[in-house]
Structures are given as structure tokens and as C-alpha cells.
Amino acid sequence: MTAPDPKSTIAPAAAATDPFAQSTPAVRVFAGIGLLLLAFAYGAFLIIVLNQAYSGDGASGPLVGVALWSMGLSAVAGVLALCLPSAVVSHAARSRVVRLQYALAFAGPALAAIDFA
């Protein structure tokens, strides 16, 4: 019984035929969808901030600036994951950046909704 050569460039046959295996184009599609989701997150952010401004004490929560930074960094992460070539970024790093993109996009409206008043 022999162990597979770790330096081999030949991919296993099971990985080549697996329809559920992640691919770089699929991760890029999710990065593009994340950029579209960011537009909806920004709309939710505006609704939350305007609602806090018109109701209550007339001021939004203290984390509005952090929420804006979060959504801005989400856009940067999405553009990097979408546009950088495969020679520069590995597949695992691209997947992590897309996960970070979604987390930052969802954190924006959540941070804006925090009101300590």
C-alpha cells in the first residue's frame, strides 16, 4: 500500500467529479452577490438611522460611524475577492474574504441599530 505523493499535480478523480466541490468562479459569484447584498444592507442602515433620528431623542446610536466603516470595508473585501486573479490569491483566502465580506455587510445595520439611549 502506497501513500499518495503530496507534491503530485494530478488531482484525485473523486474531486474532479464532485459537483459540490467549491470552485473559484463560484466564490467570485458569491462575492458579486455580496456586493448586491451590500446595497440592501446600506438601505436598511439608512432606514434604521433615519428612524432613530426622528423618534426618541433625535440622535442615532453611537456606533453609526463604525457601521459605515464596516460596510465600506465589506465593499473593499468584495471587490478584492471578485477582481484579483487566481495567481495572486489562493482559493482558501478568497473564500475567507467572501465570508468576511458577508459578515461586515450584516454587521453594518446591526451596529447602527444599537442605541444606548
N, C-alpha and C. Protein backbone atom coordinates (compact mmCIF):
# COMPACT_ATOMS: atom_id res chain seq x y z
N MET A 1 0.85 -1.17 0.00
CA MET A 1 0.00 0.00 0.00
C MET A 1 0.89 1.24 0.00
N THR A 2 0.64 2.13 -0.90
CA THR A 2 1.47 3.33 -1.01
C THR A 2 0.64 4.55 -0.68
N ALA A 3 1.29 5.52 -0.11
CA ALA A 3 0.64 6.79 0.22
C ALA A 3 0.71 7.70 -1.00
N PRO A 4 -0.28 8.58 -1.18
CA PRO A 4 -0.23 9.50 -2.32
C PRO A 4 0.90 10.49 -2.17
N ASP A 5 1.46 10.87 -3.28
CA ASP A 5 2.56 11.83 -3.30
C ASP A 5 2.00 13.23 -3.05
N PRO A 6 2.43 13.92 -1.98
CA PRO A 6 1.88 15.26 -1.70
C PRO A 6 2.31 16.32 -2.70
N LYS A 7 3.37 16.06 -3.46
CA LYS A 7 3.84 17.04 -4.45
C LYS A 7 3.27 16.80 -5.84
N SER A 8 2.37 15.83 -5.95
CA SER A 8 1.79 15.50 -7.24
C SER A 8 0.83 16.59 -7.68
N THR A 9 0.85 16.89 -8.97
CA THR A 9 -0.06 17.90 -9.52
C THR A 9 -1.33 17.28 -10.08
N ILE A 10 -1.42 15.96 -10.04
CA ILE A 10 -2.60 15.27 -10.56
C ILE A 10 -3.67 15.26 -9.47
N ALA A 11 -4.85 15.78 -9.79
CA ALA A 11 -5.95 15.84 -8.83
C ALA A 11 -6.61 14.47 -8.73
N PRO A 12 -7.12 14.12 -7.56
CA PRO A 12 -7.84 12.86 -7.42
C PRO A 12 -9.10 12.86 -8.28
N ALA A 13 -9.48 11.66 -8.74
CA ALA A 13 -10.64 11.55 -9.63
C ALA A 13 -11.93 11.91 -8.91
N ALA A 14 -12.03 11.63 -7.63
CA ALA A 14 -13.26 11.95 -6.89
C ALA A 14 -13.47 13.45 -6.79
N ALA A 15 -12.39 14.21 -6.59
CA ALA A 15 -12.53 15.67 -6.50
C ALA A 15 -12.90 16.28 -7.85
N ALA A 16 -12.46 15.66 -8.93
CA ALA A 16 -12.76 16.20 -10.25
C ALA A 16 -14.22 15.98 -10.64
N THR A 17 -14.84 14.94 -10.10
CA THR A 17 -16.23 14.65 -10.46
C THR A 17 -17.23 15.09 -9.40
N ASP A 18 -16.78 15.67 -8.32
CA ASP A 18 -17.68 16.09 -7.24
C ASP A 18 -18.42 17.36 -7.66
N PRO A 19 -19.75 17.31 -7.80
CA PRO A 19 -20.47 18.51 -8.23
C PRO A 19 -20.60 19.55 -7.12
N PHE A 20 -20.31 19.18 -5.87
CA PHE A 20 -20.45 20.11 -4.76
C PHE A 20 -19.11 20.69 -4.30
N ALA A 21 -18.05 20.40 -5.01
CA ALA A 21 -16.74 20.96 -4.68
C ALA A 21 -16.73 22.45 -4.99
N GLN A 22 -16.11 23.23 -4.11
CA GLN A 22 -16.04 24.67 -4.33
C GLN A 22 -15.08 24.97 -5.47
N SER A 23 -15.41 25.98 -6.22
CA SER A 23 -14.53 26.41 -7.30
C SER A 23 -14.34 27.93 -7.19
N THR A 24 -13.29 28.42 -7.79
CA THR A 24 -13.01 29.85 -7.74
C THR A 24 -14.10 30.68 -8.44
N PRO A 25 -14.62 30.26 -9.60
CA PRO A 25 -15.71 31.05 -10.19
C PRO A 25 -16.95 31.12 -9.30
N ALA A 26 -17.24 30.04 -8.57
CA ALA A 26 -18.39 30.07 -7.66
C ALA A 26 -18.17 31.06 -6.53
N VAL A 27 -16.95 31.11 -6.00
CA VAL A 27 -16.65 32.07 -4.93
C VAL A 27 -16.74 33.49 -5.46
N ARG A 28 -16.31 33.70 -6.71
CA ARG A 28 -16.42 35.03 -7.30
C ARG A 28 -17.88 35.44 -7.50
N VAL A 29 -18.73 34.48 -7.83
CA VAL A 29 -20.17 34.78 -7.95
C VAL A 29 -20.73 35.19 -6.60
N PHE A 30 -20.33 34.48 -5.54
CA PHE A 30 -20.80 34.85 -4.21
C PHE A 30 -20.27 36.22 -3.80
N ALA A 31 -19.08 36.59 -4.23
CA ALA A 31 -18.57 37.93 -3.95
C ALA A 31 -19.40 38.99 -4.66
N GLY A 32 -19.80 38.72 -5.90
CA GLY A 32 -20.67 39.66 -6.62
C GLY A 32 -22.05 39.77 -5.99
N ILE A 33 -22.59 38.64 -5.54
CA ILE A 33 -23.89 38.67 -4.85
C ILE A 33 -23.76 39.45 -3.55
N GLY A 34 -22.61 39.32 -2.89
CA GLY A 34 -22.38 40.07 -1.66
C GLY A 34 -22.35 41.58 -1.88
N LEU A 35 -21.84 41.99 -3.04
CA LEU A 35 -21.86 43.43 -3.36
C LEU A 35 -23.29 43.92 -3.59
N LEU A 36 -24.12 43.09 -4.21
CA LEU A 36 -25.54 43.46 -4.36
C LEU A 36 -26.23 43.48 -3.00
N LEU A 37 -25.90 42.52 -2.16
CA LEU A 37 -26.47 42.48 -0.81
C LEU A 37 -26.06 43.73 -0.02
N LEU A 38 -24.88 44.22 -0.28
CA LEU A 38 -24.41 45.41 0.42
C LEU A 38 -25.29 46.62 0.13
N ALA A 39 -25.82 46.71 -1.07
CA ALA A 39 -26.74 47.81 -1.40
C ALA A 39 -27.99 47.74 -0.54
N PHE A 40 -28.52 46.52 -0.34
CA PHE A 40 -29.69 46.36 0.53
C PHE A 40 -29.35 46.62 1.99
N ALA A 41 -28.15 46.23 2.41
CA ALA A 41 -27.71 46.49 3.78
C ALA A 41 -27.58 48.00 4.01
N TYR A 42 -27.10 48.72 3.01
CA TYR A 42 -26.98 50.17 3.14
C TYR A 42 -28.37 50.82 3.22
N GLY A 43 -29.34 50.29 2.46
CA GLY A 43 -30.71 50.79 2.56
C GLY A 43 -31.30 50.55 3.94
N ALA A 44 -31.05 49.36 4.49
CA ALA A 44 -31.51 49.07 5.85
C ALA A 44 -30.82 49.98 6.86
N PHE A 45 -29.54 50.26 6.65
CA PHE A 45 -28.81 51.18 7.51
C PHE A 45 -29.45 52.57 7.50
N LEU A 46 -29.78 53.05 6.31
CA LEU A 46 -30.41 54.38 6.22
C LEU A 46 -31.76 54.41 6.92
N ILE A 47 -32.55 53.37 6.75
CA ILE A 47 -33.86 53.31 7.41
C ILE A 47 -33.69 53.31 8.92
N ILE A 48 -32.74 52.56 9.42
CA ILE A 48 -32.52 52.49 10.88
C ILE A 48 -32.06 53.83 11.42
N VAL A 49 -31.11 54.46 10.74
CA VAL A 49 -30.57 55.74 11.22
C VAL A 49 -31.64 56.83 11.16
N LEU A 50 -32.41 56.89 10.09
CA LEU A 50 -33.46 57.91 10.00
C LEU A 50 -34.57 57.66 11.02
N ASN A 51 -34.89 56.41 11.27
CA ASN A 51 -35.90 56.10 12.27
C ASN A 51 -35.42 56.53 13.66
N GLN A 52 -34.15 56.29 13.97
CA GLN A 52 -33.62 56.71 15.26
C GLN A 52 -33.54 58.23 15.36
N ALA A 53 -33.29 58.90 14.25
CA ALA A 53 -33.17 60.36 14.28
C ALA A 53 -34.53 61.03 14.49
N TYR A 54 -35.58 60.46 13.91
CA TYR A 54 -36.90 61.09 14.02
C TYR A 54 -37.70 60.63 15.22
N SER A 55 -37.33 59.55 15.82
CA SER A 55 -38.03 59.11 17.02
C SER A 55 -37.07 59.16 18.20
N GLY A 56 -37.61 59.35 19.35
CA GLY A 56 -36.76 59.38 20.54
C GLY A 56 -36.12 60.73 20.75
N ASP A 57 -34.82 60.75 21.03
CA ASP A 57 -34.13 61.98 21.38
C ASP A 57 -33.57 62.73 20.18
N GLY A 58 -33.78 62.25 18.99
CA GLY A 58 -33.33 62.96 17.80
C GLY A 58 -31.92 62.66 17.39
N ALA A 59 -31.30 61.66 18.02
CA ALA A 59 -29.93 61.28 17.67
C ALA A 59 -29.88 59.78 17.41
N SER A 60 -29.06 59.40 16.48
CA SER A 60 -28.91 57.97 16.21
C SER A 60 -27.93 57.37 17.21
N GLY A 61 -27.74 56.07 17.13
CA GLY A 61 -26.88 55.37 18.08
C GLY A 61 -25.43 55.78 17.97
N PRO A 62 -24.63 55.41 18.95
CA PRO A 62 -23.23 55.82 18.97
C PRO A 62 -22.33 55.05 18.00
N LEU A 63 -22.83 53.99 17.42
CA LEU A 63 -21.99 53.16 16.57
C LEU A 63 -22.26 53.35 15.08
N VAL A 64 -22.81 54.49 14.71
CA VAL A 64 -23.13 54.75 13.31
C VAL A 64 -21.85 54.84 12.48
N GLY A 65 -20.84 55.48 12.99
CA GLY A 65 -19.57 55.59 12.27
C GLY A 65 -18.91 54.24 12.08
N VAL A 66 -18.97 53.40 13.10
CA VAL A 66 -18.41 52.05 12.99
C VAL A 66 -19.19 51.23 11.96
N ALA A 67 -20.50 51.42 11.91
CA ALA A 67 -21.33 50.71 10.94
C ALA A 67 -20.97 51.13 9.51
N LEU A 68 -20.73 52.41 9.31
CA LEU A 68 -20.32 52.88 7.98
C LEU A 68 -18.97 52.30 7.58
N TRP A 69 -18.04 52.25 8.51
CA TRP A 69 -16.73 51.66 8.22
C TRP A 69 -16.88 50.18 7.90
N SER A 70 -17.75 49.51 8.62
CA SER A 70 -17.97 48.08 8.38
C SER A 70 -18.48 47.83 6.97
N MET A 71 -19.44 48.62 6.54
CA MET A 71 -19.98 48.43 5.19
C MET A 71 -18.98 48.85 4.12
N GLY A 72 -18.18 49.86 4.39
CA GLY A 72 -17.15 50.27 3.44
C GLY A 72 -16.07 49.19 3.28
N LEU A 73 -15.66 48.59 4.39
CA LEU A 73 -14.68 47.51 4.32
C LEU A 73 -15.27 46.27 3.66
N SER A 74 -16.58 46.07 3.81
CA SER A 74 -17.24 44.97 3.12
C SER A 74 -17.16 45.16 1.61
N ALA A 75 -17.35 46.37 1.15
CA ALA A 75 -17.24 46.65 -0.29
C ALA A 75 -15.82 46.41 -0.79
N VAL A 76 -14.83 46.83 -0.02
CA VAL A 76 -13.44 46.63 -0.42
C VAL A 76 -13.12 45.13 -0.47
N ALA A 77 -13.56 44.38 0.53
CA ALA A 77 -13.32 42.94 0.55
C ALA A 77 -13.99 42.26 -0.64
N GLY A 78 -15.21 42.68 -0.97
CA GLY A 78 -15.91 42.08 -2.10
C GLY A 78 -15.23 42.36 -3.43
N VAL A 79 -14.77 43.58 -3.61
CA VAL A 79 -14.09 43.92 -4.87
C VAL A 79 -12.77 43.17 -4.98
N LEU A 80 -12.05 43.04 -3.87
CA LEU A 80 -10.80 42.29 -3.91
C LEU A 80 -11.05 40.82 -4.24
N ALA A 81 -12.06 40.22 -3.61
CA ALA A 81 -12.36 38.81 -3.87
C ALA A 81 -12.85 38.59 -5.29
N LEU A 82 -13.52 39.58 -5.83
CA LEU A 82 -14.08 39.45 -7.17
C LEU A 82 -13.05 39.68 -8.26
N CYS A 83 -12.17 40.63 -8.07
CA CYS A 83 -11.31 41.09 -9.17
C CYS A 83 -9.88 40.55 -9.16
N LEU A 84 -9.34 40.15 -8.03
CA LEU A 84 -7.95 39.70 -8.03
C LEU A 84 -7.81 38.37 -8.75
N PRO A 85 -6.77 38.22 -9.55
CA PRO A 85 -6.59 36.96 -10.30
C PRO A 85 -6.22 35.81 -9.38
N SER A 86 -6.42 34.60 -9.86
CA SER A 86 -6.15 33.39 -9.07
C SER A 86 -4.66 33.21 -8.78
N ALA A 87 -3.81 33.81 -9.58
CA ALA A 87 -2.37 33.70 -9.34
C ALA A 87 -1.94 34.49 -8.11
N VAL A 88 -2.72 35.48 -7.73
CA VAL A 88 -2.37 36.33 -6.60
C VAL A 88 -2.98 35.82 -5.30
N VAL A 89 -4.22 35.33 -5.36
CA VAL A 89 -4.97 34.94 -4.17
C VAL A 89 -5.32 33.46 -4.27
N SER A 90 -5.07 32.72 -3.20
CA SER A 90 -5.44 31.31 -3.20
C SER A 90 -6.95 31.16 -3.04
N HIS A 91 -7.43 29.98 -3.33
CA HIS A 91 -8.87 29.72 -3.23
C HIS A 91 -9.34 29.83 -1.79
N ALA A 92 -8.56 29.32 -0.86
CA ALA A 92 -8.94 29.37 0.56
C ALA A 92 -9.00 30.81 1.06
N ALA A 93 -8.03 31.62 0.67
CA ALA A 93 -8.04 33.03 1.09
C ALA A 93 -9.21 33.78 0.49
N ARG A 94 -9.54 33.49 -0.77
CA ARG A 94 -10.67 34.14 -1.42
C ARG A 94 -11.98 33.76 -0.71
N SER A 95 -12.11 32.51 -0.31
CA SER A 95 -13.31 32.07 0.41
C SER A 95 -13.44 32.78 1.75
N ARG A 96 -12.32 32.92 2.45
CA ARG A 96 -12.35 33.62 3.74
C ARG A 96 -12.70 35.09 3.58
N VAL A 97 -12.20 35.72 2.52
CA VAL A 97 -12.51 37.13 2.29
C VAL A 97 -13.99 37.31 1.97
N VAL A 98 -14.58 36.37 1.23
CA VAL A 98 -16.02 36.47 0.93
C VAL A 98 -16.83 36.29 2.21
N ARG A 99 -16.41 35.38 3.08
CA ARG A 99 -17.10 35.23 4.38
C ARG A 99 -16.99 36.52 5.20
N LEU A 100 -15.81 37.12 5.19
CA LEU A 100 -15.62 38.39 5.89
C LEU A 100 -16.49 39.48 5.28
N GLN A 101 -16.62 39.48 3.96
CA GLN A 101 -17.45 40.46 3.27
C GLN A 101 -18.90 40.37 3.75
N TYR A 102 -19.44 39.16 3.82
CA TYR A 102 -20.82 38.99 4.26
C TYR A 102 -20.98 39.37 5.73
N ALA A 103 -20.01 39.00 6.57
CA ALA A 103 -20.09 39.35 7.99
C ALA A 103 -20.08 40.86 8.19
N LEU A 104 -19.23 41.57 7.47
CA LEU A 104 -19.17 43.03 7.59
C LEU A 104 -20.43 43.68 7.04
N ALA A 105 -21.00 43.13 5.98
CA ALA A 105 -22.22 43.70 5.41
C ALA A 105 -23.39 43.55 6.39
N PHE A 106 -23.49 42.40 7.05
CA PHE A 106 -24.57 42.21 8.02
C PHE A 106 -24.31 42.98 9.31
N ALA A 107 -23.05 43.22 9.64
CA ALA A 107 -22.73 43.95 10.87
C ALA A 107 -23.08 45.42 10.78
N GLY A 108 -23.08 45.99 9.58
CA GLY A 108 -23.39 47.41 9.42
C GLY A 108 -24.75 47.80 9.96
N PRO A 109 -25.85 47.24 9.46
CA PRO A 109 -27.16 47.59 10.02
C PRO A 109 -27.32 47.16 11.48
N ALA A 110 -26.68 46.05 11.86
CA ALA A 110 -26.79 45.60 13.24
C ALA A 110 -26.13 46.60 14.19
N LEU A 111 -24.98 47.12 13.82
CA LEU A 111 -24.30 48.11 14.66
C LEU A 111 -25.07 49.42 14.69
N ALA A 112 -25.68 49.79 13.57
CA ALA A 112 -26.45 51.02 13.53
C ALA A 112 -27.71 50.92 14.39
N ALA A 113 -28.22 49.73 14.55
CA ALA A 113 -29.44 49.55 15.34
C ALA A 113 -29.19 49.64 16.84
N ILE A 114 -27.94 49.53 17.25
CA ILE A 114 -27.63 49.60 18.69
C ILE A 114 -27.79 51.05 19.14
N ASP A 115 -28.68 51.25 20.08
CA ASP A 115 -28.93 52.59 20.61
C ASP A 115 -28.95 52.48 22.12
N PHE A 116 -28.01 53.14 22.78
CA PHE A 116 -27.88 53.04 24.21
C PHE A 116 -28.75 54.02 24.98
N ALA A 117 -29.53 54.81 24.28
CA ALA A 117 -30.35 55.82 24.96
C ALA A 117 -31.60 55.22 25.55
